[in-house]
C-alpha atoms as a PDB file:
ATOM      1  CA  MET A   1     -16.607  19.676 -11.346  1.00  0.00           C
ATOM      2  CA  THR A   2     -16.757  17.163 -14.913  1.00  0.00           C
ATOM      3  CA  ILE A   3     -16.180  13.722 -14.136  1.00  0.00           C
ATOM      4  CA  ILE A   4     -14.926  12.147 -17.065  1.00  0.00           C
ATOM      5  CA  THR A   5     -14.579   8.454 -17.336  1.00  0.00           C
ATOM      6  CA  GLU A   6     -12.577   5.550 -19.180  1.00  0.00           C
ATOM      7  CA  HIS A   7     -13.534   2.148 -18.850  1.00  0.00           C
ATOM      8  CA  ILE A   8     -10.663  -0.295 -19.066  1.00  0.00           C
ATOM      9  CA  THR A   9     -10.388  -4.251 -19.009  1.00  0.00           C
ATOM     10  CA  ILE A  10      -7.781  -6.189 -16.635  1.00  0.00           C
ATOM     11  CA  ASN A  11      -7.847  -9.794 -15.746  1.00  0.00           C
ATOM     12  CA  ASN A  12     -11.195  -9.445 -17.193  1.00  0.00           C
ATOM     13  CA  GLU A  13     -12.452  -7.132 -15.140  1.00  0.00           C
ATOM     14  CA  GLU A  14     -14.115  -3.676 -16.236  1.00  0.00           C
ATOM     15  CA  LEU A  15     -12.585  -0.569 -14.116  1.00  0.00           C
ATOM     16  CA  VAL A  16     -13.770   2.872 -14.640  1.00  0.00           C
ATOM     17  CA  LEU A  17     -10.993   5.040 -14.690  1.00  0.00           C
ATOM     18  CA  THR A  18     -11.914   8.679 -13.693  1.00  0.00           C
ATOM     19  CA  ASN A  19     -10.163  12.619 -13.785  1.00  0.00           C
ATOM     20  CA  GLN A  20     -11.115  13.076 -10.466  1.00  0.00           C
ATOM     21  CA  ARG A  21      -8.234  10.456  -9.034  1.00  0.00           C
ATOM     22  CA  ALA A  22     -10.489   7.657  -8.254  1.00  0.00           C
ATOM     23  CA  LEU A  23     -11.486   4.233  -9.898  1.00  0.00           C
ATOM     24  CA  TYR A  24     -14.884   2.654  -9.599  1.00  0.00           C
ATOM     25  CA  TRP A  25     -14.818  -1.260  -9.618  1.00  0.00           C
ATOM     26  CA  GLN A  26     -18.667  -1.790 -10.651  1.00  0.00           C
ATOM     27  CA  ARG A  27     -18.843  -5.754  -9.400  1.00  0.00           C
ATOM     28  CA  LEU A  28     -17.870  -4.572  -6.091  1.00  0.00           C
ATOM     29  CA  ASP A  29     -19.525  -1.091  -6.117  1.00  0.00           C
ATOM     30  CA  ALA A  30     -16.287   0.167  -4.588  1.00  0.00           C
ATOM     31  CA  LEU A  31     -14.317   3.394  -5.412  1.00  0.00           C
ATOM     32  CA  ILE A  32     -10.842   2.676  -5.020  1.00  0.00           C
ATOM     33  CA  LEU A  33      -8.286   5.658  -4.676  1.00  0.00           C
ATOM     34  CA  SER A  34      -4.748   6.355  -2.695  1.00  0.00           C
ATOM     35  CA  ASP A  35      -3.097   9.199  -0.753  1.00  0.00           C
ATOM     36  CA  ILE A  36      -6.272  11.438   0.318  1.00  0.00           C
ATOM     37  CA  HIS A  37      -3.554  12.726   2.764  1.00  0.00           C
ATOM     38  CA  ILE A  38      -6.207  14.207   5.088  1.00  0.00           C
ATOM     39  CA  GLY A  39      -4.622  16.067   8.035  1.00  0.00           C
ATOM     40  CA  LYS A  40      -1.842  17.275   6.175  1.00  0.00           C
ATOM     41  CA  THR A  41      -2.664  21.172   5.864  1.00  0.00           C
ATOM     42  CA  ALA A  42      -3.449  21.090   9.583  1.00  0.00           C
ATOM     43  CA  HIS A  43       0.019  20.136  10.310  1.00  0.00           C
ATOM     44  CA  PHE A  44       1.433  22.759   8.023  1.00  0.00           C
ATOM     45  CA  ARG A  45      -0.583  25.181   9.616  1.00  0.00           C
ATOM     46  CA  LYS A  46       0.415  23.725  13.164  1.00  0.00           C
ATOM     47  CA  HIS A  47       4.204  23.917  12.399  1.00  0.00           C
ATOM     48  CA  GLY A  48       3.688  27.955  11.236  1.00  0.00           C
ATOM     49  CA  ILE A  49       3.460  26.881   7.352  1.00  0.00           C
ATOM     50  CA  PRO A  50       0.425  29.071   6.362  1.00  0.00           C
ATOM     51  CA  MET A  51      -2.006  27.405   4.321  1.00  0.00           C
ATOM     52  CA  PRO A  52      -5.474  27.560   2.187  1.00  0.00           C
ATOM     53  CA  ASN A  53      -8.303  26.468   4.880  1.00  0.00           C
ATOM     54  CA  ASP A  54     -10.122  25.155   1.561  1.00  0.00           C
ATOM     55  CA  VAL A  55      -8.269  22.358   0.516  1.00  0.00           C
ATOM     56  CA  LEU A  56      -9.124  19.382   2.577  1.00  0.00           C
ATOM     57  CA  GLN A  57     -13.037  20.434   1.943  1.00  0.00           C
ATOM     58  CA  ASN A  58     -12.499  20.915  -1.815  1.00  0.00           C
ATOM     59  CA  ASP A  59     -10.853  17.044  -1.936  1.00  0.00           C
ATOM     60  CA  LEU A  60     -13.841  16.011   0.031  1.00  0.00           C
ATOM     61  CA  GLU A  61     -16.308  17.568  -2.090  1.00  0.00           C
ATOM     62  CA  ARG A  62     -14.896  15.715  -5.118  1.00  0.00           C
ATOM     63  CA  LEU A  63     -14.818  12.932  -3.469  1.00  0.00           C
ATOM     64  CA  LYS A  64     -18.542  13.659  -2.278  1.00  0.00           C
ATOM     65  CA  LYS A  65     -19.702  13.698  -5.790  1.00  0.00           C
ATOM     66  CA  LEU A  66     -18.035  10.385  -7.236  1.00  0.00           C
ATOM     67  CA  ILE A  67     -19.796   8.519  -4.499  1.00  0.00           C
ATOM     68  CA  HIS A  68     -22.894   9.889  -5.738  1.00  0.00           C
ATOM     69  CA  GLN A  69     -22.322   9.369  -9.122  1.00  0.00           C
ATOM     70  CA  PHE A  70     -21.457   6.152  -8.564  1.00  0.00           C
ATOM     71  CA  SER A  71     -23.821   5.338  -6.008  1.00  0.00           C
ATOM     72  CA  VAL A  72     -20.718   3.517  -4.219  1.00  0.00           C
ATOM     73  CA  LYS A  73     -21.226   0.928  -1.193  1.00  0.00           C
ATOM     74  CA  THR A  74     -17.510   0.525  -0.197  1.00  0.00           C
ATOM     75  CA  LEU A  75     -15.260   3.290  -0.108  1.00  0.00           C
ATOM     76  CA  LEU A  76     -11.280   1.620  -0.797  1.00  0.00           C
ATOM     77  CA  ILE A  77      -8.293   3.573   0.333  1.00  0.00           C
ATOM     78  CA  VAL A  78      -4.831   2.044  -1.160  1.00  0.00           C
ATOM     79  CA  GLY A  79      -2.769   3.748   1.722  1.00  0.00           C
ATOM     80  CA  ASP A  80      -2.030   7.501   3.237  1.00  0.00           C
ATOM     81  CA  LEU A  81      -5.919   8.357   4.005  1.00  0.00           C
ATOM     82  CA  PHE A  82      -4.127  10.457   6.958  1.00  0.00           C
ATOM     83  CA  HIS A  83      -0.870  12.166   6.574  1.00  0.00           C
ATOM     84  CA  ALA A  84      -0.153  13.008  10.669  1.00  0.00           C
ATOM     85  CA  GLU A  85      -0.961  12.864  13.881  1.00  0.00           C
ATOM     86  CA  ARG A  86      -4.616  13.420  15.170  1.00  0.00           C
ATOM     87  CA  ASN A  87      -5.603  17.341  14.497  1.00  0.00           C
ATOM     88  CA  SER A  88      -8.935  19.118  13.410  1.00  0.00           C
ATOM     89  CA  ASP A  89      -8.888  17.888   9.984  1.00  0.00           C
ATOM     90  CA  MET A  90      -9.758  14.519  11.484  1.00  0.00           C
ATOM     91  CA  VAL A  91     -12.579  16.310  13.064  1.00  0.00           C
ATOM     92  CA  THR A  92     -13.404  17.477   9.954  1.00  0.00           C
ATOM     93  CA  PHE A  93     -13.355  14.008   8.148  1.00  0.00           C
ATOM     94  CA  LYS A  94     -15.506  12.585  11.001  1.00  0.00           C
ATOM     95  CA  ASP A  95     -18.518  15.122  10.434  1.00  0.00           C
ATOM     96  CA  TRP A  96     -18.136  14.699   6.294  1.00  0.00           C
ATOM     97  CA  LEU A  97     -18.756  10.956   7.194  1.00  0.00           C
ATOM     98  CA  THR A  98     -22.030  11.245   8.804  1.00  0.00           C
ATOM     99  CA  GLN A  99     -23.755  11.755   5.387  1.00  0.00           C
ATOM    100  CA  PHE A 100     -22.806   8.368   4.626  1.00  0.00           C
ATOM    101  CA  PRO A 101     -24.361   5.974   7.155  1.00  0.00           C
ATOM    102  CA  ASN A 102     -23.795   2.982   5.351  1.00  0.00           C
ATOM    103  CA  LEU A 103     -20.982   3.306   3.700  1.00  0.00           C
ATOM    104  CA  LYS A 104     -18.054   1.144   3.941  1.00  0.00           C
ATOM    105  CA  LEU A 105     -14.517   2.316   4.284  1.00  0.00           C
ATOM    106  CA  ILE A 106     -11.594  -0.121   3.960  1.00  0.00           C
ATOM    107  CA  LEU A 107      -8.376   1.266   4.334  1.00  0.00           C
ATOM    108  CA  ILE A 108      -5.037  -0.567   3.239  1.00  0.00           C
ATOM    109  CA  LYS A 109      -2.559   1.205   5.382  1.00  0.00           C
ATOM    110  CA  GLY A 110       0.198   3.144   4.368  1.00  0.00           C
ATOM    111  CA  ASN A 111       3.244   4.837   5.339  1.00  0.00           C
ATOM    112  CA  HIS A 112       1.836   7.841   6.575  1.00  0.00           C
ATOM    113  CA  ASP A 113      -1.521   5.975   8.475  1.00  0.00           C
ATOM    114  CA  ARG A 114       0.090   5.637  11.946  1.00  0.00           C
ATOM    115  CA  GLN A 115      -2.905   7.353  13.787  1.00  0.00           C
ATOM    116  CA  SER A 116      -4.282   4.742  16.783  1.00  0.00           C
ATOM    117  CA  GLN A 117      -6.478   2.108  16.443  1.00  0.00           C
ATOM    118  CA  ALA A 118      -8.846   3.878  18.269  1.00  0.00           C
ATOM    119  CA  LEU A 119      -9.398   6.523  15.843  1.00  0.00           C
ATOM    120  CA  MET A 120      -9.834   4.227  13.134  1.00  0.00           C
ATOM    121  CA  GLU A 121     -12.543   2.198  15.477  1.00  0.00           C
ATOM    122  CA  ASP A 122     -13.935   5.970  16.126  1.00  0.00           C
ATOM    123  CA  LEU A 123     -14.274   6.748  12.197  1.00  0.00           C
ATOM    124  CA  ASN A 124     -15.481   3.115  11.659  1.00  0.00           C
ATOM    125  CA  ILE A 125     -12.595   2.073   9.612  1.00  0.00           C
ATOM    126  CA  GLU A 126     -11.546  -1.553   8.485  1.00  0.00           C
ATOM    127  CA  VAL A 127      -7.609  -1.195   8.507  1.00  0.00           C
ATOM    128  CA  VAL A 128      -5.784  -3.878   6.786  1.00  0.00           C
ATOM    129  CA  LYS A 129      -2.191  -4.346   5.524  1.00  0.00           C
ATOM    130  CA  GLN A 130      -2.997  -5.663   1.987  1.00  0.00           C
ATOM    131  CA  LEU A 131      -6.603  -7.407   0.735  1.00  0.00           C
ATOM    132  CA  HIS A 132      -6.846 -10.134  -1.726  1.00  0.00           C
ATOM    133  CA  ILE A 133      -9.858  -9.501  -3.933  1.00  0.00           C
ATOM    134  CA  GLU A 134      -9.844 -11.703  -6.825  1.00  0.00           C
ATOM    135  CA  PRO A 135      -8.300 -11.148  -9.308  1.00  0.00           C
ATOM    136  CA  PHE A 136      -6.662  -8.385  -7.555  1.00  0.00           C
ATOM    137  CA  VAL A 137      -4.131  -7.508  -4.866  1.00  0.00           C
ATOM    138  CA  PHE A 138      -4.426  -3.993  -2.941  1.00  0.00           C
ATOM    139  CA  LEU A 139      -1.367  -2.447  -1.201  1.00  0.00           C
ATOM    140  CA  HIS A 140      -0.061   0.754  -0.676  1.00  0.00           C
ATOM    141  CA  ASN A 141       3.757   0.317  -2.112  1.00  0.00           C
ATOM    142  CA  PRO A 142       3.841  -1.445  -5.370  1.00  0.00           C
ATOM    143  CA  LEU A 143       7.561  -2.110  -4.453  1.00  0.00           C
ATOM    144  CA  GLU A 144       6.158  -4.472  -1.599  1.00  0.00           C
ATOM    145  CA  ASN A 145       4.230  -6.897  -3.884  1.00  0.00           C
ATOM    146  CA  SER A 146       5.467 -10.891  -3.147  1.00  0.00           C
ATOM    147  CA  GLN A 147       2.096 -11.963  -5.013  1.00  0.00           C
ATOM    148  CA  SER A 148       2.072 -12.998  -8.020  1.00  0.00           C
ATOM    149  CA  GLN A 149      -1.759 -11.821  -8.782  1.00  0.00           C
ATOM    150  CA  PHE A 150      -1.973  -7.753 -10.355  1.00  0.00           C
ATOM    151  CA  THR A 151      -1.568  -5.347  -7.958  1.00  0.00           C
ATOM    152  CA  ILE A 152      -3.364  -2.574  -7.629  1.00  0.00           C
ATOM    153  CA  SER A 153      -1.676   0.446  -5.422  1.00  0.00           C
ATOM    154  CA  GLY A 154      -0.931   3.809  -4.652  1.00  0.00           C
ATOM    155  CA  HIS A 155       2.607   5.946  -2.984  1.00  0.00           C
ATOM    156  CA  ARG A 156       4.314   7.126  -5.719  1.00  0.00           C
ATOM    157  CA  HIS A 157       1.494   9.687  -7.249  1.00  0.00           C
ATOM    158  CA  PRO A 158       2.538   9.147 -10.728  1.00  0.00           C
ATOM    159  CA  GLY A 159       2.578  11.677 -13.138  1.00  0.00           C
ATOM    160  CA  VAL A 160       3.597  12.540 -16.845  1.00  0.00           C
ATOM    161  CA  LEU A 161       5.500  15.138 -18.865  1.00  0.00           C
ATOM    162  CA  ILE A 162       3.938  16.146 -22.099  1.00  0.00           C
ATOM    163  CA  GLN A 163       5.419  18.612 -24.641  1.00  0.00           C
ATOM    164  CA  GLY A 164       4.003  22.062 -24.605  1.00  0.00           C
ATOM    165  CA  LYS A 165       4.302  24.685 -26.688  1.00  0.00           C
ATOM    166  CA  GLY A 166       8.056  25.116 -27.941  1.00  0.00           C
ATOM    167  CA  LYS A 167      10.046  23.929 -24.843  1.00  0.00           C
ATOM    168  CA  GLN A 168       7.452  24.095 -22.283  1.00  0.00           C
ATOM    169  CA  LYS A 169       6.517  20.782 -20.419  1.00  0.00           C
ATOM    170  CA  ILE A 170       3.289  20.597 -18.572  1.00  0.00           C
ATOM    171  CA  LYS A 171       3.041  18.056 -15.523  1.00  0.00           C
ATOM    172  CA  LEU A 172      -0.301  15.523 -15.599  1.00  0.00           C
ATOM    173  CA  PRO A 173      -1.045  13.437 -12.607  1.00  0.00           C
ATOM    174  CA  CYS A 174      -2.182   9.409 -14.344  1.00  0.00           C
ATOM    175  CA  TYR A 175      -3.021   6.031 -13.838  1.00  0.00           C
ATOM    176  CA  GLN A 176       0.468   3.993 -14.607  1.00  0.00           C
ATOM    177  CA  ILE A 177      -0.166   0.285 -15.571  1.00  0.00           C
ATOM    178  CA  THR A 178       2.043  -2.206 -16.702  1.00  0.00           C
ATOM    179  CA  ASP A 179       1.206  -6.514 -16.778  1.00  0.00           C
ATOM    180  CA  ASP A 180       1.668  -6.768 -13.327  1.00  0.00           C
ATOM    181  CA  TYR A 181       0.135  -3.647 -11.957  1.00  0.00           C
ATOM    182  CA  MET A 182      -1.766  -0.471 -11.630  1.00  0.00           C
ATOM    183  CA  ILE A 183      -0.164   2.515  -9.393  1.00  0.00           C
ATOM    184  CA  LEU A 184      -3.394   5.091  -8.481  1.00  0.00           C
ATOM    185  CA  PRO A 185      -2.672   9.161  -8.905  1.00  0.00           C
ATOM    186  CA  ALA A 186      -2.606  10.744  -5.630  1.00  0.00           C
ATOM    187  CA  PHE A 187      -6.714  12.084  -5.115  1.00  0.00           C
ATOM    188  CA  SER A 188      -5.611  15.086  -2.854  1.00  0.00           C
ATOM    189  CA  LEU A 189      -5.025  18.333  -5.107  1.00  0.00           C
ATOM    190  CA  PHE A 190      -2.060  18.946  -2.632  1.00  0.00           C
ATOM    191  CA  THR A 191       0.239  16.406  -3.385  1.00  0.00           C
ATOM    192  CA  GLY A 192       3.346  16.327  -5.785  1.00  0.00           C
ATOM    193  CA  LEU A 193       3.940  14.507  -8.815  1.00  0.00           C
ATOM    194  CA  ASN A 194       6.288  11.870  -9.530  1.00  0.00           C
ATOM    195  CA  THR A 195       7.650  11.877 -13.442  1.00  0.00           C
ATOM    196  CA  SER A 196      11.055  10.152 -12.890  1.00  0.00           C
ATOM    197  CA  ASP A 197       9.341   6.526 -13.354  1.00  0.00           C
ATOM    198  CA  MET A 198       8.233   6.820 -16.770  1.00  0.00           C
ATOM    199  CA  SER A 199       9.094   3.813 -19.149  1.00  0.00           C
ATOM    200  CA  ASP A 200       8.063   2.315 -22.051  1.00  0.00           C
ATOM    201  CA  ALA A 201       6.611  -1.015 -19.988  1.00  0.00           C
ATOM    202  CA  SER A 202       3.794   1.479 -18.823  1.00  0.00           C
ATOM    203  CA  ILE A 203       0.784   2.503 -19.922  1.00  0.00           C
ATOM    204  CA  TYR A 204       0.004   5.987 -18.684  1.00  0.00           C
ATOM    205  CA  TYR A 205      -3.573   7.211 -18.673  1.00  0.00           C
ATOM    206  CA  ALA A 206      -3.106  10.949 -17.711  1.00  0.00           C
ATOM    207  CA  PHE A 207      -6.024  13.346 -17.023  1.00  0.00           C
ATOM    208  CA  THR A 208      -6.969  17.339 -17.380  1.00  0.00           C
ATOM    209  CA  ASP A 209      -9.962  18.657 -15.925  1.00  0.00           C
ATOM    210  CA  LYS A 210     -12.473  17.868 -19.013  1.00  0.00           C
ATOM    211  CA  SER A 211     -10.179  15.096 -20.534  1.00  0.00           C
ATOM    212  CA  ILE A 212      -8.766  11.187 -20.517  1.00  0.00           C
ATOM    213  CA  PHE A 213      -6.220  10.201 -22.739  1.00  0.00           C
ATOM    214  CA  ARG A 214      -3.762   7.157 -23.251  1.00  0.00           C
ATOM    215  CA  LEU A 215       0.068   7.636 -23.613  1.00  0.00           C
END
């Protein structure tokens, strides 16, 4: 796994985009990401849909490398840390967390985060509806923004279509940025991409395993 970075400045704050579907905010020593959807593969298997066993493990391995790369103190998840009811994937996640005893976890509650408060306390996760840290507001769904401040959110799994050879079009994940908000890519590799919201009013930072580029 190669971590490629792109430094951008928003409201006089330097943010580091990565090609691993997360951004780093140095002033807070925080890694910010969205839509991990832990429990999704176990949920599908429970309902008879065959799923590979290494989907969650691969996502958590990428997350581990990002935490070490940036010496992260806070993990800020902008919604949908979990996907479904409590299942075996939550146990896997709890075991994984033991290697980061000093890592602070904050979850902006997403539409899929319907687990009990007891589970959140067991995992030592602080749960809030939205979070204000100047100069940003963090919330899950950008459409629910009622603030005048710049918002950082997830939920929409943004993607772009790139013209390939001939008539072929390639779909890539991206960071979508306007004057008012940034939408993060879904962190989990086991998610679809929404390319229907592409507009001239947005800047897109798309990425591959080896590059980040602005559109």
